PDB file of N, CA and C in Angstrom:
ATOM      1  N   MET A   1     -38.866 287.721 151.199  1.00  0.00           N
ATOM      2  CA  MET A   1     -39.314 286.577 150.440  1.00  0.00           C
ATOM      3  C   MET A   1     -38.467 285.327 150.757  1.00  0.00           C
ATOM      4  N   LYS A   2     -37.194 285.566 151.015  1.00  0.00           N
ATOM      5  CA  LYS A   2     -36.310 284.441 151.334  1.00  0.00           C
ATOM      6  C   LYS A   2     -36.784 283.712 152.590  1.00  0.00           C
ATOM      7  N   ILE A   3     -37.198 284.459 153.597  1.00  0.00           N
ATOM      8  CA  ILE A   3     -37.676 283.843 154.846  1.00  0.00           C
ATOM      9  C   ILE A   3     -38.931 283.021 154.590  1.00  0.00           C
ATOM     10  N   THR A   4     -39.830 283.537 153.763  1.00  0.00           N
ATOM     11  CA  THR A   4     -41.046 282.787 153.427  1.00  0.00           C
ATOM     12  C   THR A   4     -40.697 281.507 152.677  1.00  0.00           C
ATOM     13  N   ALA A   5     -39.748 281.568 151.771  1.00  0.00           N
ATOM     14  CA  ALA A   5     -39.324 280.367 151.046  1.00  0.00           C
ATOM     15  C   ALA A   5     -38.771 279.323 152.014  1.00  0.00           C
ATOM     16  N   ILE A   6     -37.970 279.754 152.958  1.00  0.00           N
ATOM     17  CA  ILE A   6     -37.424 278.822 153.960  1.00  0.00           C
ATOM     18  C   ILE A   6     -38.551 278.205 154.778  1.00  0.00           C
ATOM     19  N   LYS A   7     -39.523 279.026 155.173  1.00  0.00           N
ATOM     20  CA  LYS A   7     -40.674 278.511 155.928  1.00  0.00           C
ATOM     21  C   LYS A   7     -41.487 277.524 155.087  1.00  0.00           C
ATOM     22  N   TYR A   8     -41.573 277.759 153.785  1.00  0.00           N
ATOM     23  CA  TYR A   8     -42.260 276.830 152.885  1.00  0.00           C
ATOM     24  C   TYR A   8     -41.550 275.467 152.900  1.00  0.00           C
ATOM     25  N   PHE A   9     -40.237 275.475 152.796  1.00  0.00           N
ATOM     26  CA  PHE A   9     -39.492 274.209 152.808  1.00  0.00           C
ATOM     27  C   PHE A   9     -39.627 273.497 154.156  1.00  0.00           C
ATOM     28  N   GLU A  10     -39.643 274.254 155.234  1.00  0.00           N
ATOM     29  CA  GLU A  10     -39.842 273.653 156.558  1.00  0.00           C
ATOM     30  C   GLU A  10     -41.224 272.999 156.652  1.00  0.00           C
ATOM     31  N   ALA A  11     -42.246 273.678 156.158  1.00  0.00           N
ATOM     32  CA  ALA A  11     -43.604 273.111 156.167  1.00  0.00           C
ATOM     33  C   ALA A  11     -43.683 271.895 155.255  1.00  0.00           C
ATOM     34  N   PHE A  12     -42.969 271.937 154.133  1.00  0.00           N
ATOM     35  CA  PHE A  12     -42.947 270.800 153.204  1.00  0.00           C
ATOM     36  C   PHE A  12     -42.321 269.584 153.887  1.00  0.00           C
ATOM     37  N   GLU A  13     -41.213 269.799 154.594  1.00  0.00           N
ATOM     38  CA  GLU A  13     -40.580 268.701 155.331  1.00  0.00           C
ATOM     39  C   GLU A  13     -41.528 268.093 156.362  1.00  0.00           C
ATOM     40  N   LYS A  14     -42.298 268.944 157.019  1.00  0.00           N
ATOM     41  CA  LYS A  14     -43.233 268.483 158.042  1.00  0.00           C
ATOM     42  C   LYS A  14     -44.527 267.942 157.435  1.00  0.00           C
ATOM     43  N   LYS A  15     -44.649 268.095 156.113  1.00  0.00           N
ATOM     44  CA  LYS A  15     -45.851 267.688 155.379  1.00  0.00           C
ATOM     45  C   LYS A  15     -47.087 268.396 155.939  1.00  0.00           C
ATOM     46  N   ASP A  16     -46.933 269.683 156.235  1.00  0.00           N
ATOM     47  CA  ASP A  16     -48.003 270.486 156.818  1.00  0.00           C
ATOM     48  C   ASP A  16     -48.757 271.244 155.722  1.00  0.00           C
ATOM     49  N   ILE A  17     -49.752 270.583 155.162  1.00  0.00           N
ATOM     50  CA  ILE A  17     -50.506 271.137 154.041  1.00  0.00           C
ATOM     51  C   ILE A  17     -51.254 272.415 154.426  1.00  0.00           C
ATOM     52  N   ASN A  18     -51.641 272.551 155.695  1.00  0.00           N
ATOM     53  CA  ASN A  18     -52.381 273.742 156.125  1.00  0.00           C
ATOM     54  C   ASN A  18     -51.508 274.989 156.122  1.00  0.00           C
ATOM     55  N   ILE A  19     -50.280 274.863 156.584  1.00  0.00           N
ATOM     56  CA  ILE A  19     -49.346 276.004 156.552  1.00  0.00           C
ATOM     57  C   ILE A  19     -49.036 276.357 155.098  1.00  0.00           C
ATOM     58  N   ILE A  20     -48.826 275.334 154.279  1.00  0.00           N
ATOM     59  CA  ILE A  20     -48.532 275.577 152.864  1.00  0.00           C
ATOM     60  C   ILE A  20     -49.705 276.299 152.203  1.00  0.00           C
ATOM     61  N   ARG A  21     -50.937 275.886 152.496  1.00  0.00           N
ATOM     62  CA  ARG A  21     -52.125 276.547 151.932  1.00  0.00           C
ATOM     63  C   ARG A  21     -52.109 278.048 152.239  1.00  0.00           C
ATOM     64  N   GLU A  22     -51.748 278.401 153.460  1.00  0.00           N
ATOM     65  CA  GLU A  22     -51.719 279.810 153.857  1.00  0.00           C
ATOM     66  C   GLU A  22     -50.683 280.615 153.078  1.00  0.00           C
ATOM     67  N   MET A  23     -49.641 279.947 152.595  1.00  0.00           N
ATOM     68  CA  MET A  23     -48.559 280.631 151.880  1.00  0.00           C
ATOM     69  C   MET A  23     -48.885 280.865 150.412  1.00  0.00           C
ATOM     70  N   PHE A  24     -49.886 280.130 149.883  1.00  0.00           N
ATOM     71  CA  PHE A  24     -50.173 280.149 148.453  1.00  0.00           C
ATOM     72  C   PHE A  24     -51.201 281.209 148.073  1.00  0.00           C
ATOM     73  N   ASP A  25     -50.964 281.835 146.940  1.00  0.00           N
ATOM     74  CA  ASP A  25     -51.954 282.649 146.267  1.00  0.00           C
ATOM     75  C   ASP A  25     -53.014 281.710 145.690  1.00  0.00           C
ATOM     76  N   ILE A  26     -54.230 282.158 145.548  1.00  0.00           N
ATOM     77  CA  ILE A  26     -55.308 281.317 145.034  1.00  0.00           C
ATOM     78  C   ILE A  26     -55.021 280.817 143.607  1.00  0.00           C
ATOM     79  N   ASN A  27     -54.245 281.572 142.845  1.00  0.00           N
ATOM     80  CA  ASN A  27     -53.924 281.208 141.460  1.00  0.00           C
ATOM     81  C   ASN A  27     -52.520 280.624 141.312  1.00  0.00           C
ATOM     82  N   VAL A  28     -51.985 280.067 142.380  1.00  0.00           N
ATOM     83  CA  VAL A  28     -50.638 279.508 142.365  1.00  0.00           C
ATOM     84  C   VAL A  28     -50.490 278.458 141.261  1.00  0.00           C
ATOM     85  N   THR A  29     -49.289 278.385 140.690  1.00  0.00           N
ATOM     86  CA  THR A  29     -48.974 277.350 139.706  1.00  0.00           C
ATOM     87  C   THR A  29     -47.772 276.556 140.185  1.00  0.00           C
ATOM     88  N   LEU A  30     -47.741 275.290 139.785  1.00  0.00           N
ATOM     89  CA  LEU A  30     -46.635 274.395 140.124  1.00  0.00           C
ATOM     90  C   LEU A  30     -46.242 273.641 138.871  1.00  0.00           C
ATOM     91  N   ARG A  31     -44.933 273.627 138.601  1.00  0.00           N
ATOM     92  CA  ARG A  31     -44.435 272.858 137.466  1.00  0.00           C
ATOM     93  C   ARG A  31     -43.100 272.252 137.845  1.00  0.00           C
ATOM     94  N   ASP A  32     -42.980 270.941 137.652  1.00  0.00           N
ATOM     95  CA  ASP A  32     -41.684 270.280 137.791  1.00  0.00           C
ATOM     96  C   ASP A  32     -41.558 269.246 136.685  1.00  0.00           C
ATOM     97  N   TRP A  33     -40.610 268.336 136.831  1.00  0.00           N
ATOM     98  CA  TRP A  33     -40.345 267.354 135.784  1.00  0.00           C
ATOM     99  C   TRP A  33     -41.431 266.290 135.691  1.00  0.00           C
ATOM    100  N   GLU A  34     -42.374 266.256 136.626  1.00  0.00           N
ATOM    101  CA  GLU A  34     -43.458 265.279 136.592  1.00  0.00           C
ATOM    102  C   GLU A  34     -44.844 265.891 136.723  1.00  0.00           C
ATOM    103  N   ILE A  35     -44.957 267.076 137.299  1.00  0.00           N
ATOM    104  CA  ILE A  35     -46.241 267.662 137.669  1.00  0.00           C
ATOM    105  C   ILE A  35     -46.415 269.029 137.015  1.00  0.00           C
ATOM    106  N   SER A  36     -47.654 269.304 136.623  1.00  0.00           N
ATOM    107  CA  SER A  36     -48.044 270.644 136.210  1.00  0.00           C
ATOM    108  C   SER A  36     -49.431 270.884 136.790  1.00  0.00           C
ATOM    109  N   ALA A  37     -49.562 271.905 137.632  1.00  0.00           N
ATOM    110  CA  ALA A  37     -50.832 272.164 138.293  1.00  0.00           C
ATOM    111  C   ALA A  37     -51.091 273.665 138.315  1.00  0.00           C
ATOM    112  N   LEU A  38     -52.375 274.026 138.179  1.00  0.00           N
ATOM    113  CA  LEU A  38     -52.788 275.421 138.151  1.00  0.00           C
ATOM    114  C   LEU A  38     -53.923 275.632 139.136  1.00  0.00           C
ATOM    115  N   GLY A  39     -53.767 276.596 140.021  1.00  0.00           N
ATOM    116  CA  GLY A  39     -54.790 276.915 141.015  1.00  0.00           C
ATOM    117  C   GLY A  39     -54.506 276.231 142.340  1.00  0.00           C
ATOM    118  N   ILE A  40     -54.919 276.865 143.418  1.00  0.00           N
ATOM    119  CA  ILE A  40     -54.564 276.397 144.756  1.00  0.00           C
ATOM    120  C   ILE A  40     -55.033 274.969 145.020  1.00  0.00           C
ATOM    121  N   ASP A  41     -56.254 274.636 144.623  1.00  0.00           N
ATOM    122  CA  ASP A  41     -56.755 273.285 144.896  1.00  0.00           C
ATOM    123  C   ASP A  41     -55.942 272.225 144.156  1.00  0.00           C
ATOM    124  N   SER A  42     -55.626 272.489 142.902  1.00  0.00           N
ATOM    125  CA  SER A  42     -54.847 271.541 142.103  1.00  0.00           C
ATOM    126  C   SER A  42     -53.413 271.398 142.630  1.00  0.00           C
ATOM    127  N   VAL A  43     -52.815 272.518 143.013  1.00  0.00           N
ATOM    128  CA  VAL A  43     -51.438 272.480 143.525  1.00  0.00           C
ATOM    129  C   VAL A  43     -51.397 271.776 144.883  1.00  0.00           C
ATOM    130  N   LEU A  44     -52.375 272.050 145.737  1.00  0.00           N
ATOM    131  CA  LEU A  44     -52.416 271.367 147.029  1.00  0.00           C
ATOM    132  C   LEU A  44     -52.671 269.872 146.872  1.00  0.00           C
ATOM    133  N   LYS A  45     -53.485 269.491 145.910  1.00  0.00           N
ATOM    134  CA  LYS A  45     -53.722 268.069 145.641  1.00  0.00           C
ATOM    135  C   LYS A  45     -52.425 267.387 145.205  1.00  0.00           C
ATOM    136  N   ALA A  46     -51.681 268.019 144.303  1.00  0.00           N
ATOM    137  CA  ALA A  46     -50.402 267.462 143.851  1.00  0.00           C
ATOM    138  C   ALA A  46     -49.421 267.362 145.008  1.00  0.00           C
ATOM    139  N   THR A  47     -49.408 268.369 145.869  1.00  0.00           N
ATOM    140  CA  THR A  47     -48.525 268.366 147.038  1.00  0.00           C
ATOM    141  C   THR A  47     -48.917 267.257 147.998  1.00  0.00           C
ATOM    142  N   ALA A  48     -50.208 267.089 148.247  1.00  0.00           N
ATOM    143  CA  ALA A  48     -50.703 266.038 149.139  1.00  0.00           C
ATOM    144  C   ALA A  48     -50.341 264.656 148.617  1.00  0.00           C
ATOM    145  N   GLU A  49     -50.337 264.484 147.308  1.00  0.00           N
ATOM    146  CA  GLU A  49     -49.944 263.194 146.719  1.00  0.00           C
ATOM    147  C   GLU A  49     -48.472 262.901 146.979  1.00  0.00           C
ATOM    148  N   ILE A  50     -47.639 263.908 146.901  1.00  0.00           N
ATOM    149  CA  ILE A  50     -46.222 263.733 147.232  1.00  0.00           C
ATOM    150  C   ILE A  50     -46.099 263.309 148.690  1.00  0.00           C
ATOM    151  N   PHE A  51     -46.820 263.980 149.564  1.00  0.00           N
ATOM    152  CA  PHE A  51     -46.781 263.662 150.993  1.00  0.00           C
ATOM    153  C   PHE A  51     -47.254 262.236 151.255  1.00  0.00           C
ATOM    154  N   TYR A  52     -48.261 261.787 150.536  1.00  0.00           N
ATOM    155  CA  TYR A  52     -48.812 260.442 150.727  1.00  0.00           C
ATOM    156  C   TYR A  52     -47.771 259.365 150.416  1.00  0.00           C
ATOM    157  N   PHE A  53     -47.015 259.569 149.340  1.00  0.00           N
ATOM    158  CA  PHE A  53     -46.060 258.547 148.904  1.00  0.00           C
ATOM    159  C   PHE A  53     -44.695 258.646 149.579  1.00  0.00           C
ATOM    160  N   ALA A  54     -44.452 259.739 150.292  1.00  0.00           N
ATOM    161  CA  ALA A  54     -43.168 259.915 150.973  1.00  0.00           C
ATOM    162  C   ALA A  54     -43.383 259.829 152.478  1.00  0.00           C
ATOM    163  N   GLU A  55     -42.814 258.821 153.090  1.00  0.00           N
ATOM    164  CA  GLU A  55     -42.923 258.701 154.543  1.00  0.00           C
ATOM    165  C   GLU A  55     -42.194 259.849 155.230  1.00  0.00           C
ATOM    166  N   THR A  56     -40.990 260.148 154.746  1.00  0.00           N
ATOM    167  CA  THR A  56     -40.224 261.277 155.267  1.00  0.00           C
ATOM    168  C   THR A  56     -39.656 262.092 154.109  1.00  0.00           C
ATOM    169  N   ILE A  57     -39.536 263.386 154.361  1.00  0.00           N
ATOM    170  CA  ILE A  57     -38.947 264.304 153.385  1.00  0.00           C
ATOM    171  C   ILE A  57     -37.950 265.178 154.128  1.00  0.00           C
ATOM    172  N   SER A  58     -36.742 265.253 153.591  1.00  0.00           N
ATOM    173  CA  SER A  58     -35.715 266.119 154.157  1.00  0.00           C
ATOM    174  C   SER A  58     -35.236 267.062 153.062  1.00  0.00           C
ATOM    175  N   ILE A  59     -35.183 268.347 153.380  1.00  0.00           N
ATOM    176  CA  ILE A  59     -34.740 269.341 152.401  1.00  0.00           C
ATOM    177  C   ILE A  59     -33.542 270.086 152.966  1.00  0.00           C
ATOM    178  N   GLN A  60     -32.441 269.992 152.270  1.00  0.00           N
ATOM    179  CA  GLN A  60     -31.231 270.733 152.639  1.00  0.00           C
ATOM    180  C   GLN A  60     -31.071 271.876 151.644  1.00  0.00           C
ATOM    181  N   ILE A  61     -31.057 273.100 152.143  1.00  0.00           N
ATOM    182  CA  ILE A  61     -30.847 274.263 151.286  1.00  0.00           C
ATOM    183  C   ILE A  61     -29.345 274.434 151.092  1.00  0.00           C
ATOM    184  N   ILE A  62     -28.922 274.319 149.856  1.00  0.00           N
ATOM    185  CA  ILE A  62     -27.496 274.466 149.530  1.00  0.00           C
ATOM    186  C   ILE A  62     -27.182 275.931 149.244  1.00  0.00           C
ATOM    187  N   ASN A  63     -28.002 276.567 148.435  1.00  0.00           N
ATOM    188  CA  ASN A  63     -27.869 277.989 148.120  1.00  0.00           C
ATOM    189  C   ASN A  63     -29.266 278.586 148.004  1.00  0.00           C
ATOM    190  N   ILE A  64     -29.385 279.846 148.356  1.00  0.00           N
ATOM    191  CA  ILE A  64     -30.661 280.541 148.213  1.00  0.00           C
ATOM    192  C   ILE A  64     -30.381 281.980 147.822  1.00  0.00           C
ATOM    193  N   PHE A  65     -31.085 282.452 146.796  1.00  0.00           N
ATOM    194  CA  PHE A  65     -30.877 283.795 146.270  1.00  0.00           C
ATOM    195  C   PHE A  65     -32.228 284.489 146.157  1.00  0.00           C
ATOM    196  N   GLU A  66     -32.250 285.765 146.491  1.00  0.00           N
ATOM    197  CA  GLU A  66     -33.485 286.544 146.414  1.00  0.00           C
ATOM    198  C   GLU A  66     -33.262 287.750 145.519  1.00  0.00           C
ATOM    199  N   ASP A  67     -34.234 288.013 144.642  1.00  0.00           N
ATOM    200  CA  ASP A  67     -34.207 289.195 143.791  1.00  0.00           C
ATOM    201  C   ASP A  67     -35.639 289.701 143.657  1.00  0.00           C
ATOM    202  N   HIS A  68     -35.978 290.734 144.384  1.00  0.00           N
ATOM    203  CA  HIS A  68     -37.317 291.313 144.413  1.00  0.00           C
ATOM    204  C   HIS A  68     -38.349 290.248 144.797  1.00  0.00           C
ATOM    205  N   ALA A  69     -39.234 289.881 143.883  1.00  0.00           N
ATOM    206  CA  ALA A  69     -40.324 288.936 144.184  1.00  0.00           C
ATOM    207  C   ALA A  69     -39.985 287.522 143.734  1.00  0.00           C
ATOM    208  N   LEU A  70     -38.712 287.207 143.638  1.00  0.00           N
ATOM    209  CA  LEU A  70     -38.267 285.906 143.140  1.00  0.00           C
ATOM    210  C   LEU A  70     -37.193 285.336 144.065  1.00  0.00           C
ATOM    211  N   VAL A  71     -37.339 284.053 144.403  1.00  0.00           N
ATOM    212  CA  VAL A  71     -36.331 283.355 145.201  1.00  0.00           C
ATOM    213  C   VAL A  71     -35.927 282.108 144.427  1.00  0.00           C
ATOM    214  N   VAL A  72     -34.625 281.919 144.299  1.00  0.00           N
ATOM    215  CA  VAL A  72     -34.077 280.742 143.618  1.00  0.00           C
ATOM    216  C   VAL A  72     -33.307 279.937 144.658  1.00  0.00           C
ATOM    217  N   CYS A  73     -33.643 278.635 144.751  1.00  0.00           N
ATOM    218  CA  CYS A  73     -33.049 277.784 145.779  1.00  0.00           C
ATOM    219  C   CYS A  73     -32.451 276.533 145.150  1.00  0.00           C
ATOM    220  N   GLU A  74     -31.212 276.274 145.511  1.00  0.00           N
ATOM    221  CA  GLU A  74     -30.579 275.005 145.160  1.00  0.00           C
ATOM    222  C   GLU A  74     -30.756 274.094 146.370  1.00  0.00           C
ATOM    223  N   LEU A  75     -31.356 272.927 146.142  1.00  0.00           N
ATOM    224  CA  LEU A  75     -31.745 272.048 147.236  1.00  0.00           C
ATOM    225  C   LEU A  75     -31.254 270.623 147.021  1.00  0.00           C
ATOM    226  N   LYS A  76     -31.091 269.923 148.138  1.00  0.00           N
ATOM    227  CA  LYS A  76     -30.924 268.472 148.123  1.00  0.00           C
ATOM    228  C   LYS A  76     -32.147 267.925 148.855  1.00  0.00           C
ATOM    229  N   VAL A  77     -32.981 267.195 148.122  1.00  0.00           N
ATOM    230  CA  VAL A  77     -34.215 266.647 148.676  1.00  0.00           C
ATOM    231  C   VAL A  77     -34.033 265.143 148.833  1.00  0.00           C
ATOM    232  N   THR A  78     -34.256 264.662 150.058  1.00  0.00           N
ATOM    233  CA  THR A  78     -34.123 263.234 150.349  1.00  0.00           C
ATOM    234  C   THR A  78     -35.490 262.694 150.761  1.00  0.00           C
ATOM    235  N   ILE A  79     -35.912 261.648 150.088  1.00  0.00           N
ATOM    236  CA  ILE A  79     -37.201 261.014 150.357  1.00  0.00           C
ATOM    237  C   ILE A  79     -36.955 259.680 151.066  1.00  0.00           C
ATOM    238  N   ASN A  80     -37.639 259.486 152.175  1.00  0.00           N
ATOM    239  CA  ASN A  80     -37.560 258.246 152.953  1.00  0.00           C
ATOM    240  C   ASN A  80     -36.133 257.884 153.368  1.00  0.00           C
ATOM    241  N   GLY A  81     -35.286 258.880 153.512  1.00  0.00           N
ATOM    242  CA  GLY A  81     -33.923 258.666 153.963  1.00  0.00           C
ATOM    243  C   GLY A  81     -33.027 257.978 152.958  1.00  0.00           C
ATOM    244  N   LEU A  82     -33.535 257.698 151.760  1.00  0.00           N
ATOM    245  CA  LEU A  82     -32.765 256.920 150.786  1.00  0.00           C
ATOM    246  C   LEU A  82     -32.503 257.657 149.493  1.00  0.00           C
ATOM    247  N   ASP A  83     -33.559 258.053 148.827  1.00  0.00           N
ATOM    248  CA  ASP A  83     -33.453 258.626 147.492  1.00  0.00           C
ATOM    249  C   ASP A  83     -33.254 260.130 147.570  1.00  0.00           C
ATOM    250  N   SER A  84     -32.112 260.605 147.067  1.00  0.00           N
ATOM    251  CA  SER A  84     -31.835 262.038 147.055  1.00  0.00           C
ATOM    252  C   SER A  84     -31.837 262.559 145.630  1.00  0.00           C
ATOM    253  N   VAL A  85     -32.305 263.759 145.487  1.00  0.00           N
ATOM    254  CA  VAL A  85     -32.282 264.428 144.191  1.00  0.00           C
ATOM    255  C   VAL A  85     -31.873 265.877 144.428  1.00  0.00           C
ATOM    256  N   HIS A  86     -31.057 266.392 143.543  1.00  0.00           N
ATOM    257  CA  HIS A  86     -30.671 267.799 143.598  1.00  0.00           C
ATOM    258  C   HIS A  86     -31.631 268.571 142.710  1.00  0.00           C
ATOM    259  N   VAL A  87     -32.173 269.644 143.267  1.00  0.00           N
ATOM    260  CA  VAL A  87     -33.247 270.386 142.616  1.00  0.00           C
ATOM    261  C   VAL A  87     -32.950 271.883 142.702  1.00  0.00           C
ATOM    262  N   VAL A  88     -33.393 272.602 141.687  1.00  0.00           N
ATOM    263  CA  VAL A  88     -33.409 274.060 141.745  1.00  0.00           C
ATOM    264  C   VAL A  88     -34.871 274.479 141.690  1.00  0.00           C
ATOM    265  N   ASP A  89     -35.318 275.197 142.711  1.00  0.00           N
ATOM    266  CA  ASP A  89     -36.674 275.732 142.768  1.00  0.00           C
ATOM    267  C   ASP A  89     -36.633 277.224 142.498  1.00  0.00           C
ATOM    268  N   ILE A  90     -37.526 277.664 141.638  1.00  0.00           N
ATOM    269  CA  ILE A  90     -37.735 279.091 141.397  1.00  0.00           C
ATOM    270  C   ILE A  90     -39.115 279.398 141.956  1.00  0.00           C
ATOM    271  N   ILE A  91     -39.160 280.264 142.963  1.00  0.00           N
ATOM    272  CA  ILE A  91     -40.411 280.594 143.639  1.00  0.00           C
ATOM    273  C   ILE A  91     -40.704 282.073 143.410  1.00  0.00           C
ATOM    274  N   GLU A  92     -41.898 282.333 142.867  1.00  0.00           N
ATOM    275  CA  GLU A  92     -42.333 283.710 142.627  1.00  0.00           C
ATOM    276  C   GLU A  92     -43.383 284.096 143.656  1.00  0.00           C
ATOM    277  N   PHE A  93     -43.353 285.364 144.064  1.00  0.00           N
ATOM    278  CA  PHE A  93     -44.277 285.894 145.051  1.00  0.00           C
ATOM    279  C   PHE A  93     -45.096 287.023 144.437  1.00  0.00           C
ATOM    280  N   ASN A  94     -46.341 287.155 144.918  1.00  0.00           N
ATOM    281  CA  ASN A  94     -47.165 288.274 144.468  1.00  0.00           C
ATOM    282  C   ASN A  94     -46.870 289.501 145.329  1.00  0.00           C
ATOM    283  N   SER A  95     -47.629 290.561 145.115  1.00  0.00           N
ATOM    284  CA  SER A  95     -47.360 291.828 145.801  1.00  0.00           C
ATOM    285  C   SER A  95     -47.643 291.790 147.298  1.00  0.00           C
ATOM    286  N   ILE A  96     -48.388 290.781 147.777  1.00  0.00           N
ATOM    287  CA  ILE A  96     -48.658 290.681 149.220  1.00  0.00           C
ATOM    288  C   ILE A  96     -47.869 289.539 149.878  1.00  0.00           C
ATOM    289  N   GLY A  97     -46.872 289.015 149.154  1.00  0.00           N
ATOM    290  CA  GLY A  97     -45.969 288.030 149.740  1.00  0.00           C
ATOM    291  C   GLY A  97     -46.449 286.586 149.695  1.00  0.00           C
ATOM    292  N   LYS A  98     -47.506 286.315 148.920  1.00  0.00           N
ATOM    293  CA  LYS A  98     -47.976 284.935 148.758  1.00  0.00           C
ATOM    294  C   LYS A  98     -47.232 284.291 147.585  1.00  0.00           C
ATOM    295  N   ILE A  99     -47.008 282.979 147.696  1.00  0.00           N
ATOM    296  CA  ILE A  99     -46.359 282.240 146.608  1.00  0.00           C
ATOM    297  C   ILE A  99     -47.346 282.116 145.458  1.00  0.00           C
ATOM    298  N   CYS A 100     -46.949 282.591 144.278  1.00  0.00           N
ATOM    299  CA  CYS A 100     -47.838 282.524 143.118  1.00  0.00           C
ATOM    300  C   CYS A 100     -47.329 281.569 142.048  1.00  0.00           C
ATOM    301  N   ALA A 101     -46.083 281.120 142.143  1.00  0.00           N
ATOM    302  CA  ALA A 101     -45.569 280.151 141.179  1.00  0.00           C
ATOM    303  C   ALA A 101     -44.350 279.436 141.764  1.00  0.00           C
ATOM    304  N   ILE A 102     -44.301 278.137 141.508  1.00  0.00           N
ATOM    305  CA  ILE A 102     -43.130 277.319 141.859  1.00  0.00           C
ATOM    306  C   ILE A 102     -42.766 276.524 140.619  1.00  0.00           C
ATOM    307  N   ARG A 103     -41.506 276.660 140.215  1.00  0.00           N
ATOM    308  CA  ARG A 103     -40.974 275.846 139.118  1.00  0.00           C
ATOM    309  C   ARG A 103     -39.760 275.115 139.659  1.00  0.00           C
ATOM    310  N   ALA A 104     -39.772 273.799 139.536  1.00  0.00           N
ATOM    311  CA  ALA A 104     -38.688 272.986 140.080  1.00  0.00           C
ATOM    312  C   ALA A 104     -38.018 272.217 138.947  1.00  0.00           C
ATOM    313  N   PHE A 105     -36.701 272.178 138.999  1.00  0.00           N
ATOM    314  CA  PHE A 105     -35.908 271.518 137.965  1.00  0.00           C
ATOM    315  C   PHE A 105     -34.880 270.617 138.618  1.00  0.00           C
ATOM    316  N   LYS A 106     -34.731 269.396 138.088  1.00  0.00           N
ATOM    317  CA  LYS A 106     -33.645 268.538 138.560  1.00  0.00           C
ATOM    318  C   LYS A 106     -32.347 269.142 138.108  1.00  0.00           C
ATOM    319  N   ARG A 107     -31.350 269.056 138.992  1.00  0.00           N
ATOM    320  CA  ARG A 107     -30.032 269.611 138.682  1.00  0.00           C
ATOM    321  C   ARG A 107     -29.113 268.522 138.236  1.00  0.00           C
TER     322      ARG A 107
END
């Protein structure tokens, strides 16, 4: 699961919505300090909006922990080379290794 989480962050940096779609369960949920979305179409729409407003996205993984179907990542996310935010992402996976939930919290 840790490798899939890393690949998710790499696809997010590249703003590759198609790779991200392949990683998501159809019932994926997303919740952060600004967004709450349920279902693959809604989550992909929210993700695409982030991509639209961010010219560049850089994600530095500070720490990453895996426990069964759960990966917890401490990240430094930089948007447009200027604005950085420290975030903790909790990513849950289903039984076939698809991402079924992402919860992100500012640190």
